[in-house]
Amino acid sequence: MKNHTVRVLAVLCSALTCGATFLVSLYRQLALVEVAASIAIGVELYFLSSSVGDWIERKERPGKTRVWIAILLAAGVVCYFLIAKTLNQRVSQSGTVNPSKLDQKYWGS
């Protein structure tokens, strides 16, 4: 019974992490991250309902792979958000995007 509780809480925390990432990316207007986070939330909710179903049915061995996929999916969405945020800040600091200036700055040509 304790295994089910821990696994349901892990998937719930993963879903909440994806939801928070969606809201922050919505605020920062990172459209691709919003799409990725919303798809991940749907998958996380599917995993959450499966975990709760295992708990209700009192299965002896709840699925470990489902929990690991949920955690890795949440971590991937957060990493994608951080990369997009960093790239967006670099572009906004340089003003308008001019490829020749970016090439001179980063490649020294």
PDB file of N, CA and C in Angstrom:
ATOM      1  N   MET A   1       0.820  -1.194   0.000  1.00  0.00           N
ATOM      2  CA  MET A   1       0.000   0.000   0.000  1.00  0.00           C
ATOM      3  C   MET A   1       0.867   1.262   0.000  1.00  0.00           C
ATOM      4  N   LYS A   2       1.991   1.188   0.706  1.00  0.00           N
ATOM      5  CA  LYS A   2       2.881   2.341   0.771  1.00  0.00           C
ATOM      6  C   LYS A   2       3.509   2.621  -0.596  1.00  0.00           C
ATOM      7  N   ASN A   3       3.815   1.555  -1.356  1.00  0.00           N
ATOM      8  CA  ASN A   3       4.381   1.734  -2.698  1.00  0.00           C
ATOM      9  C   ASN A   3       3.420   2.490  -3.609  1.00  0.00           C
ATOM     10  N   HIS A   4       2.143   2.172  -3.517  1.00  0.00           N
ATOM     11  CA  HIS A   4       1.153   2.867  -4.340  1.00  0.00           C
ATOM     12  C   HIS A   4       1.092   4.348  -3.987  1.00  0.00           C
ATOM     13  N   THR A   5       1.109   4.657  -2.712  1.00  0.00           N
ATOM     14  CA  THR A   5       1.016   6.053  -2.279  1.00  0.00           C
ATOM     15  C   THR A   5       2.212   6.853  -2.775  1.00  0.00           C
ATOM     16  N   VAL A   6       3.395   6.293  -2.647  1.00  0.00           N
ATOM     17  CA  VAL A   6       4.605   6.990  -3.088  1.00  0.00           C
ATOM     18  C   VAL A   6       4.586   7.198  -4.598  1.00  0.00           C
ATOM     19  N   ARG A   7       4.149   6.194  -5.314  1.00  0.00           N
ATOM     20  CA  ARG A   7       4.143   6.319  -6.780  1.00  0.00           C
ATOM     21  C   ARG A   7       3.074   7.285  -7.270  1.00  0.00           C
ATOM     22  N   VAL A   8       1.925   7.290  -6.629  1.00  0.00           N
ATOM     23  CA  VAL A   8       0.887   8.254  -7.004  1.00  0.00           C
ATOM     24  C   VAL A   8       1.369   9.671  -6.700  1.00  0.00           C
ATOM     25  N   LEU A   9       2.020   9.867  -5.571  1.00  0.00           N
ATOM     26  CA  LEU A   9       2.544  11.196  -5.232  1.00  0.00           C
ATOM     27  C   LEU A   9       3.651  11.626  -6.191  1.00  0.00           C
ATOM     28  N   ALA A  10       4.491  10.695  -6.628  1.00  0.00           N
ATOM     29  CA  ALA A  10       5.550  11.034  -7.579  1.00  0.00           C
ATOM     30  C   ALA A  10       4.961  11.474  -8.919  1.00  0.00           C
ATOM     31  N   VAL A  11       3.958  10.758  -9.397  1.00  0.00           N
ATOM     32  CA  VAL A  11       3.329  11.137 -10.671  1.00  0.00           C
ATOM     33  C   VAL A  11       2.563  12.449 -10.514  1.00  0.00           C
ATOM     34  N   LEU A  12       1.928  12.652  -9.365  1.00  0.00           N
ATOM     35  CA  LEU A  12       1.212  13.905  -9.115  1.00  0.00           C
ATOM     36  C   LEU A  12       2.179  15.087  -9.101  1.00  0.00           C
ATOM     37  N   CYS A  13       3.324  14.921  -8.454  1.00  0.00           N
ATOM     38  CA  CYS A  13       4.332  15.993  -8.443  1.00  0.00           C
ATOM     39  C   CYS A  13       4.865  16.267  -9.845  1.00  0.00           C
ATOM     40  N   SER A  14       5.021  15.228 -10.643  1.00  0.00           N
ATOM     41  CA  SER A  14       5.467  15.412 -12.021  1.00  0.00           C
ATOM     42  C   SER A  14       4.422  16.188 -12.830  1.00  0.00           C
ATOM     43  N   ALA A  15       3.158  15.855 -12.637  1.00  0.00           N
ATOM     44  CA  ALA A  15       2.089  16.577 -13.346  1.00  0.00           C
ATOM     45  C   ALA A  15       2.020  18.037 -12.902  1.00  0.00           C
ATOM     46  N   LEU A  16       2.191  18.278 -11.609  1.00  0.00           N
ATOM     47  CA  LEU A  16       2.192  19.661 -11.121  1.00  0.00           C
ATOM     48  C   LEU A  16       3.387  20.445 -11.653  1.00  0.00           C
ATOM     49  N   THR A  17       4.521  19.779 -11.796  1.00  0.00           N
ATOM     50  CA  THR A  17       5.700  20.431 -12.359  1.00  0.00           C
ATOM     51  C   THR A  17       5.458  20.824 -13.810  1.00  0.00           C
ATOM     52  N   CYS A  18       4.859  19.941 -14.582  1.00  0.00           N
ATOM     53  CA  CYS A  18       4.540  20.270 -15.981  1.00  0.00           C
ATOM     54  C   CYS A  18       3.519  21.395 -16.059  1.00  0.00           C
ATOM     55  N   GLY A  19       2.546  21.380 -15.151  1.00  0.00           N
ATOM     56  CA  GLY A  19       1.552  22.451 -15.128  1.00  0.00           C
ATOM     57  C   GLY A  19       2.163  23.798 -14.779  1.00  0.00           C
ATOM     58  N   ALA A  20       3.067  23.811 -13.809  1.00  0.00           N
ATOM     59  CA  ALA A  20       3.739  25.060 -13.443  1.00  0.00           C
ATOM     60  C   ALA A  20       4.624  25.561 -14.578  1.00  0.00           C
ATOM     61  N   THR A  21       5.286  24.642 -15.259  1.00  0.00           N
ATOM     62  CA  THR A  21       6.105  25.023 -16.411  1.00  0.00           C
ATOM     63  C   THR A  21       5.239  25.604 -17.514  1.00  0.00           C
ATOM     64  N   PHE A  22       4.074  25.029 -17.723  1.00  0.00           N
ATOM     65  CA  PHE A  22       3.145  25.570 -18.719  1.00  0.00           C
ATOM     66  C   PHE A  22       2.735  26.999 -18.370  1.00  0.00           C
ATOM     67  N   LEU A  23       2.398  27.234 -17.110  1.00  0.00           N
ATOM     68  CA  LEU A  23       1.961  28.577 -16.712  1.00  0.00           C
ATOM     69  C   LEU A  23       3.083  29.604 -16.818  1.00  0.00           C
ATOM     70  N   VAL A  24       4.283  29.231 -16.437  1.00  0.00           N
ATOM     71  CA  VAL A  24       5.403  30.162 -16.531  1.00  0.00           C
ATOM     72  C   VAL A  24       5.753  30.438 -17.989  1.00  0.00           C
ATOM     73  N   SER A  25       5.727  29.415 -18.826  1.00  0.00           N
ATOM     74  CA  SER A  25       6.003  29.644 -20.245  1.00  0.00           C
ATOM     75  C   SER A  25       4.888  30.444 -20.910  1.00  0.00           C
ATOM     76  N   LEU A  26       3.684  30.301 -20.425  1.00  0.00           N
ATOM     77  CA  LEU A  26       2.579  31.129 -20.924  1.00  0.00           C
ATOM     78  C   LEU A  26       2.811  32.593 -20.574  1.00  0.00           C
ATOM     79  N   TYR A  27       3.286  32.832 -19.359  1.00  0.00           N
ATOM     80  CA  TYR A  27       3.579  34.200 -18.911  1.00  0.00           C
ATOM     81  C   TYR A  27       4.739  34.802 -19.701  1.00  0.00           C
ATOM     82  N   ARG A  28       5.759  33.990 -19.985  1.00  0.00           N
ATOM     83  CA  ARG A  28       6.941  34.485 -20.708  1.00  0.00           C
ATOM     84  C   ARG A  28       6.765  34.433 -22.220  1.00  0.00           C
ATOM     85  N   GLN A  29       5.646  33.930 -22.691  1.00  0.00           N
ATOM     86  CA  GLN A  29       5.304  33.848 -24.106  1.00  0.00           C
ATOM     87  C   GLN A  29       6.295  33.007 -24.902  1.00  0.00           C
ATOM     88  N   LEU A  30       6.549  31.811 -24.400  1.00  0.00           N
ATOM     89  CA  LEU A  30       7.377  30.834 -25.109  1.00  0.00           C
ATOM     90  C   LEU A  30       6.432  29.777 -25.686  1.00  0.00           C
ATOM     91  N   ALA A  31       6.028  29.981 -26.923  1.00  0.00           N
ATOM     92  CA  ALA A  31       4.932  29.205 -27.512  1.00  0.00           C
ATOM     93  C   ALA A  31       5.250  27.713 -27.638  1.00  0.00           C
ATOM     94  N   LEU A  32       6.439  27.360 -28.096  1.00  0.00           N
ATOM     95  CA  LEU A  32       6.749  25.942 -28.274  1.00  0.00           C
ATOM     96  C   LEU A  32       6.825  25.209 -26.946  1.00  0.00           C
ATOM     97  N   VAL A  33       7.279  25.901 -25.918  1.00  0.00           N
ATOM     98  CA  VAL A  33       7.317  25.287 -24.594  1.00  0.00           C
ATOM     99  C   VAL A  33       5.898  25.090 -24.080  1.00  0.00           C
ATOM    100  N   GLU A  34       5.008  26.033 -24.368  1.00  0.00           N
ATOM    101  CA  GLU A  34       3.601  25.886 -23.968  1.00  0.00           C
ATOM    102  C   GLU A  34       2.997  24.626 -24.589  1.00  0.00           C
ATOM    103  N   VAL A  35       3.259  24.430 -25.866  1.00  0.00           N
ATOM    104  CA  VAL A  35       2.708  23.258 -26.559  1.00  0.00           C
ATOM    105  C   VAL A  35       3.276  21.969 -25.971  1.00  0.00           C
ATOM    106  N   ALA A  36       4.595  21.935 -25.777  1.00  0.00           N
ATOM    107  CA  ALA A  36       5.230  20.736 -25.221  1.00  0.00           C
ATOM    108  C   ALA A  36       4.727  20.457 -23.809  1.00  0.00           C
ATOM    109  N   ALA A  37       4.584  21.509 -23.009  1.00  0.00           N
ATOM    110  CA  ALA A  37       4.117  21.322 -21.629  1.00  0.00           C
ATOM    111  C   ALA A  37       2.662  20.868 -21.593  1.00  0.00           C
ATOM    112  N   SER A  38       1.833  21.386 -22.489  1.00  0.00           N
ATOM    113  CA  SER A  38       0.428  20.969 -22.474  1.00  0.00           C
ATOM    114  C   SER A  38       0.276  19.515 -22.910  1.00  0.00           C
ATOM    115  N   ILE A  39       1.075  19.074 -23.884  1.00  0.00           N
ATOM    116  CA  ILE A  39       1.044  17.664 -24.276  1.00  0.00           C
ATOM    117  C   ILE A  39       1.549  16.795 -23.131  1.00  0.00           C
ATOM    118  N   ALA A  40       2.600  17.246 -22.469  1.00  0.00           N
ATOM    119  CA  ALA A  40       3.153  16.488 -21.339  1.00  0.00           C
ATOM    120  C   ALA A  40       2.153  16.400 -20.193  1.00  0.00           C
ATOM    121  N   ILE A  41       1.375  17.454 -19.981  1.00  0.00           N
ATOM    122  CA  ILE A  41       0.356  17.414 -18.923  1.00  0.00           C
ATOM    123  C   ILE A  41      -0.681  16.336 -19.233  1.00  0.00           C
ATOM    124  N   GLY A  42      -1.082  16.223 -20.491  1.00  0.00           N
ATOM    125  CA  GLY A  42      -2.030  15.177 -20.871  1.00  0.00           C
ATOM    126  C   GLY A  42      -1.491  13.787 -20.612  1.00  0.00           C
ATOM    127  N   VAL A  43      -0.225  13.571 -20.950  1.00  0.00           N
ATOM    128  CA  VAL A  43       0.400  12.264 -20.700  1.00  0.00           C
ATOM    129  C   VAL A  43       0.526  12.015 -19.204  1.00  0.00           C
ATOM    130  N   GLU A  44       0.915  13.050 -18.463  1.00  0.00           N
ATOM    131  CA  GLU A  44       1.058  12.919 -17.007  1.00  0.00           C
ATOM    132  C   GLU A  44      -0.290  12.572 -16.357  1.00  0.00           C
ATOM    133  N   LEU A  45      -1.358  13.190 -16.817  1.00  0.00           N
ATOM    134  CA  LEU A  45      -2.669  12.881 -16.241  1.00  0.00           C
ATOM    135  C   LEU A  45      -3.103  11.457 -16.566  1.00  0.00           C
ATOM    136  N   TYR A  46      -2.719  10.974 -17.746  1.00  0.00           N
ATOM    137  CA  TYR A  46      -2.991   9.572 -18.066  1.00  0.00           C
ATOM    138  C   TYR A  46      -2.241   8.651 -17.107  1.00  0.00           C
ATOM    139  N   PHE A  47      -0.969   8.952 -16.879  1.00  0.00           N
ATOM    140  CA  PHE A  47      -0.183   8.152 -15.940  1.00  0.00           C
ATOM    141  C   PHE A  47      -0.742   8.247 -14.529  1.00  0.00           C
ATOM    142  N   LEU A  48      -1.211   9.431 -14.150  1.00  0.00           N
ATOM    143  CA  LEU A  48      -1.789   9.601 -12.816  1.00  0.00           C
ATOM    144  C   LEU A  48      -3.053   8.766 -12.657  1.00  0.00           C
ATOM    145  N   SER A  49      -3.903   8.775 -13.666  1.00  0.00           N
ATOM    146  CA  SER A  49      -5.128   7.975 -13.569  1.00  0.00           C
ATOM    147  C   SER A  49      -4.819   6.481 -13.546  1.00  0.00           C
ATOM    148  N   SER A  50      -3.785   6.063 -14.280  1.00  0.00           N
ATOM    149  CA  SER A  50      -3.384   4.654 -14.249  1.00  0.00           C
ATOM    150  C   SER A  50      -2.839   4.272 -12.874  1.00  0.00           C
ATOM    151  N   SER A  51      -2.068   5.164 -12.267  1.00  0.00           N
ATOM    152  CA  SER A  51      -1.526   4.881 -10.937  1.00  0.00           C
ATOM    153  C   SER A  51      -2.627   4.811  -9.891  1.00  0.00           C
ATOM    154  N   VAL A  52      -3.590   5.716  -9.980  1.00  0.00           N
ATOM    155  CA  VAL A  52      -4.712   5.683  -9.040  1.00  0.00           C
ATOM    156  C   VAL A  52      -5.552   4.425  -9.273  1.00  0.00           C
ATOM    157  N   GLY A  53      -5.706   4.024 -10.529  1.00  0.00           N
ATOM    158  CA  GLY A  53      -6.434   2.791 -10.828  1.00  0.00           C
ATOM    159  C   GLY A  53      -5.753   1.565 -10.247  1.00  0.00           C
ATOM    160  N   ASP A  54      -4.422   1.525 -10.332  1.00  0.00           N
ATOM    161  CA  ASP A  54      -3.681   0.423  -9.702  1.00  0.00           C
ATOM    162  C   ASP A  54      -3.883   0.425  -8.190  1.00  0.00           C
ATOM    163  N   TRP A  55      -3.931   1.616  -7.632  1.00  0.00           N
ATOM    164  CA  TRP A  55      -4.105   1.745  -6.178  1.00  0.00           C
ATOM    165  C   TRP A  55      -5.501   1.255  -5.764  1.00  0.00           C
ATOM    166  N   ILE A  56      -6.523   1.636  -6.539  1.00  0.00           N
ATOM    167  CA  ILE A  56      -7.892   1.231  -6.216  1.00  0.00           C
ATOM    168  C   ILE A  56      -8.068  -0.275  -6.376  1.00  0.00           C
ATOM    169  N   GLU A  57      -7.455  -0.835  -7.441  1.00  0.00           N
ATOM    170  CA  GLU A  57      -7.556  -2.275  -7.663  1.00  0.00           C
ATOM    171  C   GLU A  57      -6.674  -3.083  -6.729  1.00  0.00           C
ATOM    172  N   ARG A  58      -5.842  -2.399  -5.975  1.00  0.00           N
ATOM    173  CA  ARG A  58      -4.921  -3.034  -5.012  1.00  0.00           C
ATOM    174  C   ARG A  58      -4.008  -4.050  -5.686  1.00  0.00           C
ATOM    175  N   LYS A  59      -3.420  -3.634  -6.786  1.00  0.00           N
ATOM    176  CA  LYS A  59      -2.453  -4.503  -7.451  1.00  0.00           C
ATOM    177  C   LYS A  59      -1.231  -4.658  -6.554  1.00  0.00           C
ATOM    178  N   GLU A  60      -0.664  -5.843  -6.595  1.00  0.00           N
ATOM    179  CA  GLU A  60       0.480  -6.108  -5.733  1.00  0.00           C
ATOM    180  C   GLU A  60       1.731  -5.363  -6.176  1.00  0.00           C
ATOM    181  N   ARG A  61       1.939  -5.265  -7.483  1.00  0.00           N
ATOM    182  CA  ARG A  61       3.139  -4.620  -7.991  1.00  0.00           C
ATOM    183  C   ARG A  61       2.761  -3.472  -8.919  1.00  0.00           C
ATOM    184  N   PRO A  62       2.780  -2.258  -8.423  1.00  0.00           N
ATOM    185  CA  PRO A  62       2.491  -1.115  -9.297  1.00  0.00           C
ATOM    186  C   PRO A  62       3.619  -0.908 -10.313  1.00  0.00           C
ATOM    187  N   GLY A  63       3.281  -0.303 -11.450  1.00  0.00           N
ATOM    188  CA  GLY A  63       4.249  -0.146 -12.535  1.00  0.00           C
ATOM    189  C   GLY A  63       5.338   0.868 -12.225  1.00  0.00           C
ATOM    190  N   LYS A  64       6.588   0.411 -12.231  1.00  0.00           N
ATOM    191  CA  LYS A  64       7.727   1.304 -12.003  1.00  0.00           C
ATOM    192  C   LYS A  64       8.028   2.136 -13.239  1.00  0.00           C
ATOM    193  N   THR A  65       7.893   1.530 -14.405  1.00  0.00           N
ATOM    194  CA  THR A  65       8.261   2.244 -15.624  1.00  0.00           C
ATOM    195  C   THR A  65       7.376   3.457 -15.857  1.00  0.00           C
ATOM    196  N   ARG A  66       6.125   3.357 -15.493  1.00  0.00           N
ATOM    197  CA  ARG A  66       5.200   4.479 -15.662  1.00  0.00           C
ATOM    198  C   ARG A  66       5.665   5.669 -14.833  1.00  0.00           C
ATOM    199  N   VAL A  67       6.115   5.417 -13.627  1.00  0.00           N
ATOM    200  CA  VAL A  67       6.572   6.493 -12.745  1.00  0.00           C
ATOM    201  C   VAL A  67       7.859   7.106 -13.281  1.00  0.00           C
ATOM    202  N   TRP A  68       8.778   6.282 -13.747  1.00  0.00           N
ATOM    203  CA  TRP A  68      10.028   6.808 -14.273  1.00  0.00           C
ATOM    204  C   TRP A  68       9.799   7.617 -15.550  1.00  0.00           C
ATOM    205  N   ILE A  69       8.900   7.162 -16.391  1.00  0.00           N
ATOM    206  CA  ILE A  69       8.586   7.927 -17.599  1.00  0.00           C
ATOM    207  C   ILE A  69       7.982   9.272 -17.227  1.00  0.00           C
ATOM    208  N   ALA A  70       7.105   9.295 -16.238  1.00  0.00           N
ATOM    209  CA  ALA A  70       6.486  10.550 -15.809  1.00  0.00           C
ATOM    210  C   ALA A  70       7.528  11.516 -15.264  1.00  0.00           C
ATOM    211  N   ILE A  71       8.450  11.012 -14.456  1.00  0.00           N
ATOM    212  CA  ILE A  71       9.477  11.877 -13.880  1.00  0.00           C
ATOM    213  C   ILE A  71      10.424  12.400 -14.960  1.00  0.00           C
ATOM    214  N   LEU A  72      10.839  11.538 -15.865  1.00  0.00           N
ATOM    215  CA  LEU A  72      11.733  11.967 -16.942  1.00  0.00           C
ATOM    216  C   LEU A  72      11.045  12.927 -17.905  1.00  0.00           C
ATOM    217  N   LEU A  73       9.762  12.734 -18.143  1.00  0.00           N
ATOM    218  CA  LEU A  73       9.017  13.647 -18.997  1.00  0.00           C
ATOM    219  C   LEU A  73       8.942  15.040 -18.373  1.00  0.00           C
ATOM    220  N   ALA A  74       8.679  15.096 -17.077  1.00  0.00           N
ATOM    221  CA  ALA A  74       8.644  16.386 -16.383  1.00  0.00           C
ATOM    222  C   ALA A  74      10.014  17.055 -16.401  1.00  0.00           C
ATOM    223  N   ALA A  75      11.061  16.284 -16.183  1.00  0.00           N
ATOM    224  CA  ALA A  75      12.412  16.845 -16.215  1.00  0.00           C
ATOM    225  C   ALA A  75      12.758  17.356 -17.616  1.00  0.00           C
ATOM    226  N   GLY A  76      12.332  16.633 -18.636  1.00  0.00           N
ATOM    227  CA  GLY A  76      12.575  17.080 -20.005  1.00  0.00           C
ATOM    228  C   GLY A  76      11.867  18.378 -20.342  1.00  0.00           C
ATOM    229  N   VAL A  77      10.640  18.526 -19.874  1.00  0.00           N
ATOM    230  CA  VAL A  77       9.895  19.762 -20.131  1.00  0.00           C
ATOM    231  C   VAL A  77      10.558  20.942 -19.416  1.00  0.00           C
ATOM    232  N   VAL A  78      10.998  20.722 -18.199  1.00  0.00           N
ATOM    233  CA  VAL A  78      11.660  21.796 -17.449  1.00  0.00           C
ATOM    234  C   VAL A  78      12.983  22.174 -18.121  1.00  0.00           C
ATOM    235  N   CYS A  79      13.745  21.196 -18.567  1.00  0.00           N
ATOM    236  CA  CYS A  79      15.001  21.488 -19.275  1.00  0.00           C
ATOM    237  C   CYS A  79      14.734  22.237 -20.574  1.00  0.00           C
ATOM    238  N   TYR A  80      13.710  21.844 -21.294  1.00  0.00           N
ATOM    239  CA  TYR A  80      13.354  22.531 -22.535  1.00  0.00           C
ATOM    240  C   TYR A  80      12.965  23.975 -22.253  1.00  0.00           C
ATOM    241  N   PHE A  81      12.233  24.197 -21.167  1.00  0.00           N
ATOM    242  CA  PHE A  81      11.867  25.562 -20.784  1.00  0.00           C
ATOM    243  C   PHE A  81      13.106  26.384 -20.471  1.00  0.00           C
ATOM    244  N   LEU A  82      14.034  25.826 -19.705  1.00  0.00           N
ATOM    245  CA  LEU A  82      15.232  26.577 -19.331  1.00  0.00           C
ATOM    246  C   LEU A  82      16.093  26.906 -20.540  1.00  0.00           C
ATOM    247  N   ILE A  83      16.212  25.983 -21.481  1.00  0.00           N
ATOM    248  CA  ILE A  83      16.977  26.253 -22.698  1.00  0.00           C
ATOM    249  C   ILE A  83      16.302  27.328 -23.535  1.00  0.00           C
ATOM    250  N   ALA A  84      14.989  27.239 -23.690  1.00  0.00           N
ATOM    251  CA  ALA A  84      14.260  28.243 -24.485  1.00  0.00           C
ATOM    252  C   ALA A  84      14.335  29.612 -23.826  1.00  0.00           C
ATOM    253  N   LYS A  85      14.254  29.653 -22.510  1.00  0.00           N
ATOM    254  CA  LYS A  85      14.337  30.929 -21.794  1.00  0.00           C
ATOM    255  C   LYS A  85      15.715  31.558 -21.971  1.00  0.00           C
ATOM    256  N   THR A  86      16.764  30.747 -21.890  1.00  0.00           N
ATOM    257  CA  THR A  86      18.124  31.252 -22.051  1.00  0.00           C
ATOM    258  C   THR A  86      18.346  31.775 -23.466  1.00  0.00           C
ATOM    259  N   LEU A  87      17.893  31.021 -24.455  1.00  0.00           N
ATOM    260  CA  LEU A  87      18.049  31.476 -25.839  1.00  0.00           C
ATOM    261  C   LEU A  87      17.234  32.733 -26.110  1.00  0.00           C
ATOM    262  N   ASN A  88      16.059  32.824 -25.525  1.00  0.00           N
ATOM    263  CA  ASN A  88      15.221  33.996 -25.711  1.00  0.00           C
ATOM    264  C   ASN A  88      15.860  35.230 -25.074  1.00  0.00           C
ATOM    265  N   GLN A  89      16.513  35.068 -23.935  1.00  0.00           N
ATOM    266  CA  GLN A  89      17.181  36.203 -23.292  1.00  0.00           C
ATOM    267  C   GLN A  89      18.367  36.675 -24.113  1.00  0.00           C
ATOM    268  N   ARG A  90      19.111  35.755 -24.719  1.00  0.00           N
ATOM    269  CA  ARG A  90      20.254  36.148 -25.537  1.00  0.00           C
ATOM    270  C   ARG A  90      19.818  36.944 -26.752  1.00  0.00           C
ATOM    271  N   VAL A  91      18.726  36.544 -27.367  1.00  0.00           N
ATOM    272  CA  VAL A  91      18.234  37.253 -28.544  1.00  0.00           C
ATOM    273  C   VAL A  91      17.711  38.624 -28.143  1.00  0.00           C
ATOM    274  N   SER A  92      17.009  38.717 -27.008  1.00  0.00           N
ATOM    275  CA  SER A  92      16.448  40.008 -26.599  1.00  0.00           C
ATOM    276  C   SER A  92      17.524  40.968 -26.129  1.00  0.00           C
ATOM    277  N   GLN A  93      18.647  40.487 -25.622  1.00  0.00           N
ATOM    278  CA  GLN A  93      19.732  41.370 -25.196  1.00  0.00           C
ATOM    279  C   GLN A  93      20.455  41.979 -26.382  1.00  0.00           C
ATOM    280  N   SER A  94      20.535  41.261 -27.474  1.00  0.00           N
ATOM    281  CA  SER A  94      21.248  41.773 -28.639  1.00  0.00           C
ATOM    282  C   SER A  94      20.367  42.679 -29.494  1.00  0.00           C
ATOM    283  N   GLY A  95      19.112  42.891 -29.089  1.00  0.00           N
ATOM    284  CA  GLY A  95      18.204  43.750 -29.854  1.00  0.00           C
ATOM    285  C   GLY A  95      17.561  42.973 -30.974  1.00  0.00           C
ATOM    286  N   THR A  96      17.569  43.551 -32.159  1.00  0.00           N
ATOM    287  CA  THR A  96      16.992  42.850 -33.296  1.00  0.00           C
ATOM    288  C   THR A  96      17.939  41.740 -33.727  1.00  0.00           C
ATOM    289  N   VAL A  97      17.375  40.721 -34.264  1.00  0.00           N
ATOM    290  CA  VAL A  97      18.179  39.579 -34.678  1.00  0.00           C
ATOM    291  C   VAL A  97      18.769  39.870 -36.047  1.00  0.00           C
ATOM    292  N   ASN A  98      20.078  40.033 -36.071  1.00  0.00           N
ATOM    293  CA  ASN A  98      20.802  40.228 -37.319  1.00  0.00           C
ATOM    294  C   ASN A  98      21.837  39.113 -37.401  1.00  0.00           C
ATOM    295  N   PRO A  99      21.674  38.168 -38.323  1.00  0.00           N
ATOM    296  CA  PRO A  99      22.569  37.011 -38.365  1.00  0.00           C
ATOM    297  C   PRO A  99      24.038  37.375 -38.510  1.00  0.00           C
ATOM    298  N   SER A 100      24.336  38.436 -39.244  1.00  0.00           N
ATOM    299  CA  SER A 100      25.749  38.781 -39.424  1.00  0.00           C
ATOM    300  C   SER A 100      26.365  39.250 -38.109  1.00  0.00           C
ATOM    301  N   LYS A 101      25.615  39.979 -37.286  1.00  0.00           N
ATOM    302  CA  LYS A 101      26.135  40.405 -35.988  1.00  0.00           C
ATOM    303  C   LYS A 101      26.328  39.214 -35.058  1.00  0.00           C
ATOM    304  N   LEU A 102      25.386  38.275 -35.113  1.00  0.00           N
ATOM    305  CA  LEU A 102      25.526  37.092 -34.262  1.00  0.00           C
ATOM    306  C   LEU A 102      26.741  36.273 -34.698  1.00  0.00           C
ATOM    307  N   ASP A 103      26.975  36.174 -36.015  1.00  0.00           N
ATOM    308  CA  ASP A 103      28.134  35.451 -36.488  1.00  0.00           C
ATOM    309  C   ASP A 103      29.424  36.124 -36.046  1.00  0.00           C
ATOM    310  N   GLN A 104      29.487  37.455 -36.115  1.00  0.00           N
ATOM    311  CA  GLN A 104      30.674  38.164 -35.691  1.00  0.00           C
ATOM    312  C   GLN A 104      30.911  38.009 -34.197  1.00  0.00           C
ATOM    313  N   LYS A 105      29.842  38.032 -33.434  1.00  0.00           N
ATOM    314  CA  LYS A 105      29.985  37.958 -31.994  1.00  0.00           C
ATOM    315  C   LYS A 105      30.439  36.584 -31.538  1.00  0.00           C
ATOM    316  N   TYR A 106      29.863  35.529 -32.113  1.00  0.00           N
ATOM    317  CA  TYR A 106      30.145  34.180 -31.638  1.00  0.00           C
ATOM    318  C   TYR A 106      31.247  33.470 -32.404  1.00  0.00           C
ATOM    319  N   TRP A 107      31.427  33.820 -33.668  1.00  0.00           N
ATOM    320  CA  TRP A 107      32.428  33.105 -34.458  1.00  0.00           C
ATOM    321  C   TRP A 107      33.662  33.963 -34.748  1.00  0.00           C
ATOM    322  N   GLY A 108      33.581  35.232 -34.429  1.00  0.00           N
ATOM    323  CA  GLY A 108      34.751  36.103 -34.604  1.00  0.00           C
ATOM    324  C   GLY A 108      35.079  36.409 -36.042  1.00  0.00           C
ATOM    325  N   SER A 109      34.119  36.299 -36.931  1.00  0.00           N
ATOM    326  CA  SER A 109      34.397  36.593 -38.341  1.00  0.00           C
ATOM    327  C   SER A 109      33.956  37.975 -38.719  1.00  0.00           C
TER     328      SER A 109
END
